[in-house]
Each structure stands twice: as structure tokens, then as C-alpha cells.
């Protein structure tokens, strides 16, 4: 094993562990969020979104924009794929962007927003450190 794959396998375990833990946390959060939308738990929030009619669109957007990239990053990381650190950086940036895009729509009223903003930044940093170690 040479090249990028070999370097990814010897990445600092702490950066990899943190990135994968945050991926897993976000996958669970995204699944819970989709369930919350579809069960009507977030109807007060959905009613503030004038451009959607019902919870299906926000649930689908959350699943596709947050859940899917995080699940891919987690899967590749657990399989020790050579591209896992890069995908982790991308997933963290997408999560951070997702939270920032919500600001004009729902604001920072929920502690969940603050938490997942921090998770997105933390995941991006951890995956970037993992990626840098894999390249060195």
C-alpha cells in the first residue's frame, strides 16, 4: 500500500476519531430532524417558511443536504478510504453553510442551531487536520 491510501491509514487517530464522531452525531441529528419534520413536530417552524407548503420539502432538503454528505463521510472514514478526509472537510463545510443559510429563515433562536454550527466547524477542522496528516 503506497500513495494516498497508505497515508490515510496512518493519519492521526485523534483527528480521524473526532471527525468520524461528529459525522455520526450529525447523521443521527439529521435523521431525527427529518423525523421531526415528517411527524409534525416542527410545524411551527415550517409555517414560518412562506415558500414551502408542508414539511416534505424541508425534510427532504435536510436529508439530502446534511444527512447524505455526513453519511458518506462517515462510511468512507470507517472504511478508511483514501478520500475520506477530503469528503469529511466537504461535509463539514456543507453543514456549516446549511446552518448559516438558515439564519435569515429561522435565526439563532434554537440551541440546536448553535450546536450544529459548532459541529460543522469542528468537523471541518478535524477533517482538515486528518487530510493534512494524510498528505504529509
C-alpha atoms as a PDB file:
ATOM      1  CA  UNK A   1       0.000   0.000   0.000  1.00  0.00           C
ATOM      2  CA  UNK A   2       1.572   3.188  -1.142  1.00  0.00           C
ATOM      3  CA  UNK A   3       0.384   6.621  -2.027  1.00  0.00           C
ATOM      4  CA  UNK A   4      -2.622   8.417  -0.639  1.00  0.00           C
ATOM      5  CA  UNK A   5      -4.339   5.306   0.716  1.00  0.00           C
ATOM      6  CA  UNK A   6      -1.348   4.362   2.851  1.00  0.00           C
ATOM      7  CA  UNK A   7      -1.051   7.905   4.189  1.00  0.00           C
ATOM      8  CA  UNK A   8      -4.773   7.996   5.052  1.00  0.00           C
ATOM      9  CA  UNK A   9      -4.358   4.821   7.091  1.00  0.00           C
ATOM     10  CA  UNK A  10      -1.679   6.362   9.309  1.00  0.00           C
ATOM     11  CA  UNK A  11      -3.487   9.667   9.896  1.00  0.00           C
ATOM     12  CA  UNK A  12      -3.513  10.964  13.449  1.00  0.00           C
ATOM     13  CA  UNK A  13      -6.099   8.861  15.229  1.00  0.00           C
ATOM     14  CA  UNK A  14      -7.415  11.798  17.241  1.00  0.00           C
ATOM     15  CA  UNK A  15      -8.326  13.947  14.203  1.00  0.00           C
ATOM     16  CA  UNK A  16      -9.885  10.973  12.447  1.00  0.00           C
ATOM     17  CA  UNK A  17     -11.784   9.930  15.570  1.00  0.00           C
ATOM     18  CA  UNK A  18     -13.140  13.427  16.181  1.00  0.00           C
ATOM     19  CA  UNK A  19     -14.182  13.851  12.548  1.00  0.00           C
ATOM     20  CA  UNK A  20     -15.951  10.484  12.472  1.00  0.00           C
ATOM     21  CA  UNK A  21     -17.653  11.075  15.826  1.00  0.00           C
ATOM     22  CA  UNK A  22     -19.010  14.398  14.567  1.00  0.00           C
ATOM     23  CA  UNK A  23     -20.120  12.730  11.316  1.00  0.00           C
ATOM     24  CA  UNK A  24     -22.013  10.124  13.326  1.00  0.00           C
ATOM     25  CA  UNK A  25     -23.572  12.730  15.604  1.00  0.00           C
ATOM     26  CA  UNK A  26     -24.749  14.713  12.597  1.00  0.00           C
ATOM     27  CA  UNK A  27     -26.195  11.668  10.832  1.00  0.00           C
ATOM     28  CA  UNK A  28     -28.238  10.898  13.949  1.00  0.00           C
ATOM     29  CA  UNK A  29     -29.278  14.551  14.201  1.00  0.00           C
ATOM     30  CA  UNK A  30     -30.298  14.664  10.543  1.00  0.00           C
ATOM     31  CA  UNK A  31     -32.385  11.501  10.871  1.00  0.00           C
ATOM     32  CA  UNK A  32     -34.053  12.939  13.977  1.00  0.00           C
ATOM     33  CA  UNK A  33     -34.653  16.217  12.152  1.00  0.00           C
ATOM     34  CA  UNK A  34     -36.236  14.511   9.149  1.00  0.00           C
ATOM     35  CA  UNK A  35     -38.442  12.508  11.512  1.00  0.00           C
ATOM     36  CA  UNK A  36     -39.324  15.706  13.363  1.00  0.00           C
ATOM     37  CA  UNK A  37     -40.399  17.430  10.164  1.00  0.00           C
ATOM     38  CA  UNK A  38     -42.432  14.477   8.914  1.00  0.00           C
ATOM     39  CA  UNK A  39     -44.134  13.869  12.275  1.00  0.00           C
ATOM     40  CA  UNK A  40     -45.283  17.476  12.542  1.00  0.00           C
ATOM     41  CA  UNK A  41     -43.037  18.315  15.469  1.00  0.00           C
ATOM     42  CA  UNK A  42     -41.581  21.266  13.535  1.00  0.00           C
ATOM     43  CA  UNK A  43     -44.883  22.565  12.115  1.00  0.00           C
ATOM     44  CA  UNK A  44     -44.490  25.963  13.847  1.00  0.00           C
ATOM     45  CA  UNK A  45     -41.127  26.324  12.128  1.00  0.00           C
ATOM     46  CA  UNK A  46     -42.466  25.156   8.762  1.00  0.00           C
ATOM     47  CA  UNK A  47     -45.335  27.657   8.982  1.00  0.00           C
ATOM     48  CA  UNK A  48     -42.751  30.478   9.059  1.00  0.00           C
ATOM     49  CA  UNK A  49     -41.374  29.334   5.696  1.00  0.00           C
ATOM     50  CA  UNK A  50     -43.628  31.056   3.169  1.00  0.00           C
ATOM     51  CA  UNK A  51     -42.081  29.307   0.163  1.00  0.00           C
ATOM     52  CA  UNK A  52     -42.923  25.727   1.203  1.00  0.00           C
ATOM     53  CA  UNK A  53     -46.232  24.003   1.636  1.00  0.00           C
ATOM     54  CA  UNK A  54     -45.844  21.319   4.263  1.00  0.00           C
ATOM     55  CA  UNK A  55     -42.927  19.528   5.879  1.00  0.00           C
ATOM     56  CA  UNK A  56     -41.876  17.259   2.995  1.00  0.00           C
ATOM     57  CA  UNK A  57     -39.589  19.773   1.267  1.00  0.00           C
ATOM     58  CA  UNK A  58     -37.687  20.807   4.423  1.00  0.00           C
ATOM     59  CA  UNK A  59     -37.355  17.146   5.441  1.00  0.00           C
ATOM     60  CA  UNK A  60     -36.022  16.206   2.001  1.00  0.00           C
ATOM     61  CA  UNK A  61     -33.639  19.171   1.975  1.00  0.00           C
ATOM     62  CA  UNK A  62     -32.287  18.262   5.417  1.00  0.00           C
ATOM     63  CA  UNK A  63     -31.837  14.634   4.430  1.00  0.00           C
ATOM     64  CA  UNK A  64     -30.115  15.408   1.136  1.00  0.00           C
ATOM     65  CA  UNK A  65     -28.050  18.450   2.140  1.00  0.00           C
ATOM     66  CA  UNK A  66     -26.961  17.329   5.599  1.00  0.00           C
ATOM     67  CA  UNK A  67     -27.717  13.653   6.188  1.00  0.00           C
ATOM     68  CA  UNK A  68     -26.387  12.278   2.907  1.00  0.00           C
ATOM     69  CA  UNK A  69     -22.983  14.047   2.883  1.00  0.00           C
ATOM     70  CA  UNK A  70     -22.450  13.185   6.542  1.00  0.00           C
ATOM     71  CA  UNK A  71     -23.376   9.532   5.962  1.00  0.00           C
ATOM     72  CA  UNK A  72     -20.993   9.324   3.000  1.00  0.00           C
ATOM     73  CA  UNK A  73     -18.190  10.939   5.028  1.00  0.00           C
ATOM     74  CA  UNK A  74     -18.811   8.558   7.931  1.00  0.00           C
ATOM     75  CA  UNK A  75     -18.923   5.489   5.693  1.00  0.00           C
ATOM     76  CA  UNK A  76     -15.739   6.398   3.827  1.00  0.00           C
ATOM     77  CA  UNK A  77     -13.976   7.213   7.089  1.00  0.00           C
ATOM     78  CA  UNK A  78     -14.938   3.929   8.714  1.00  0.00           C
ATOM     79  CA  UNK A  79     -13.761   2.089   5.608  1.00  0.00           C
ATOM     80  CA  UNK A  80     -10.508   4.082   5.701  1.00  0.00           C
ATOM     81  CA  UNK A  81     -10.975   5.228   2.131  1.00  0.00           C
ATOM     82  CA  UNK A  82      -8.178   7.457   0.843  1.00  0.00           C
ATOM     83  CA  UNK A  83     -10.632  10.266   0.053  1.00  0.00           C
ATOM     84  CA  UNK A  84     -12.328  10.145   3.475  1.00  0.00           C
ATOM     85  CA  UNK A  85     -10.559  13.208   4.915  1.00  0.00           C
ATOM     86  CA  UNK A  86     -11.446  15.331   1.878  1.00  0.00           C
ATOM     87  CA  UNK A  87     -15.072  14.211   1.973  1.00  0.00           C
ATOM     88  CA  UNK A  88     -15.138  14.965   5.703  1.00  0.00           C
ATOM     89  CA  UNK A  89     -13.962  18.523   5.058  1.00  0.00           C
ATOM     90  CA  UNK A  90     -16.645  18.920   2.402  1.00  0.00           C
ATOM     91  CA  UNK A  91     -19.367  17.535   4.657  1.00  0.00           C
ATOM     92  CA  UNK A  92     -18.326  19.854   7.489  1.00  0.00           C
ATOM     93  CA  UNK A  93     -18.327  22.888   5.206  1.00  0.00           C
ATOM     94  CA  UNK A  94     -21.747  21.930   3.813  1.00  0.00           C
ATOM     95  CA  UNK A  95     -23.139  21.550   7.347  1.00  0.00           C
ATOM     96  CA  UNK A  96     -21.734  24.931   8.380  1.00  0.00           C
ATOM     97  CA  UNK A  97     -23.148  26.508   5.223  1.00  0.00           C
ATOM     98  CA  UNK A  98     -26.519  24.868   5.847  1.00  0.00           C
ATOM     99  CA  UNK A  99     -26.741  26.413   9.309  1.00  0.00           C
ATOM    100  CA  UNK A 100     -25.624  29.829   8.030  1.00  0.00           C
ATOM    101  CA  UNK A 101     -28.194  29.679   5.213  1.00  0.00           C
ATOM    102  CA  UNK A 102     -30.910  29.139   7.813  1.00  0.00           C
ATOM    103  CA  UNK A 103     -30.122  32.389   9.629  1.00  0.00           C
ATOM    104  CA  UNK A 104     -32.372  34.620   7.509  1.00  0.00           C
ATOM    105  CA  UNK A 105     -35.131  32.000   7.714  1.00  0.00           C
ATOM    106  CA  UNK A 106     -35.219  30.961  11.358  1.00  0.00           C
ATOM    107  CA  UNK A 107     -32.445  32.865  13.128  1.00  0.00           C
ATOM    108  CA  UNK A 108     -30.333  31.664  16.044  1.00  0.00           C
ATOM    109  CA  UNK A 109     -33.276  31.070  18.350  1.00  0.00           C
ATOM    110  CA  UNK A 110     -32.635  27.359  18.821  1.00  0.00           C
ATOM    111  CA  UNK A 111     -29.635  25.983  20.707  1.00  0.00           C
ATOM    112  CA  UNK A 112     -29.627  23.219  18.095  1.00  0.00           C
ATOM    113  CA  UNK A 113     -28.543  25.814  15.510  1.00  0.00           C
ATOM    114  CA  UNK A 114     -25.616  26.863  17.681  1.00  0.00           C
ATOM    115  CA  UNK A 115     -24.669  23.260  18.393  1.00  0.00           C
ATOM    116  CA  UNK A 116     -24.654  22.160  14.765  1.00  0.00           C
ATOM    117  CA  UNK A 117     -22.803  25.289  13.685  1.00  0.00           C
ATOM    118  CA  UNK A 118     -20.085  24.302  16.166  1.00  0.00           C
ATOM    119  CA  UNK A 119     -20.232  20.686  14.971  1.00  0.00           C
ATOM    120  CA  UNK A 120     -19.797  21.800  11.347  1.00  0.00           C
ATOM    121  CA  UNK A 121     -16.805  23.976  12.176  1.00  0.00           C
ATOM    122  CA  UNK A 122     -15.299  21.296  14.428  1.00  0.00           C
ATOM    123  CA  UNK A 123     -15.779  18.599  11.828  1.00  0.00           C
ATOM    124  CA  UNK A 124     -14.221  20.780   9.133  1.00  0.00           C
ATOM    125  CA  UNK A 125     -11.165  21.485  11.287  1.00  0.00           C
ATOM    126  CA  UNK A 126     -10.737  17.856  12.406  1.00  0.00           C
ATOM    127  CA  UNK A 127     -11.102  16.528   8.864  1.00  0.00           C
ATOM    128  CA  UNK A 128      -8.696  19.170   7.571  1.00  0.00           C
ATOM    129  CA  UNK A 129      -6.095  18.111  10.146  1.00  0.00           C
ATOM    130  CA  UNK A 130      -6.700  14.489   9.167  1.00  0.00           C
ATOM    131  CA  UNK A 131      -6.328  15.382   5.490  1.00  0.00           C
ATOM    132  CA  UNK A 132      -3.130  17.374   6.074  1.00  0.00           C
ATOM    133  CA  UNK A 133      -1.626  14.469   8.007  1.00  0.00           C
ATOM    134  CA  UNK A 134      -2.572  12.106   5.189  1.00  0.00           C
ATOM    135  CA  UNK A 135      -0.822  14.328   2.634  1.00  0.00           C
ATOM    136  CA  UNK A 136       2.380  14.839   4.656  1.00  0.00           C
END
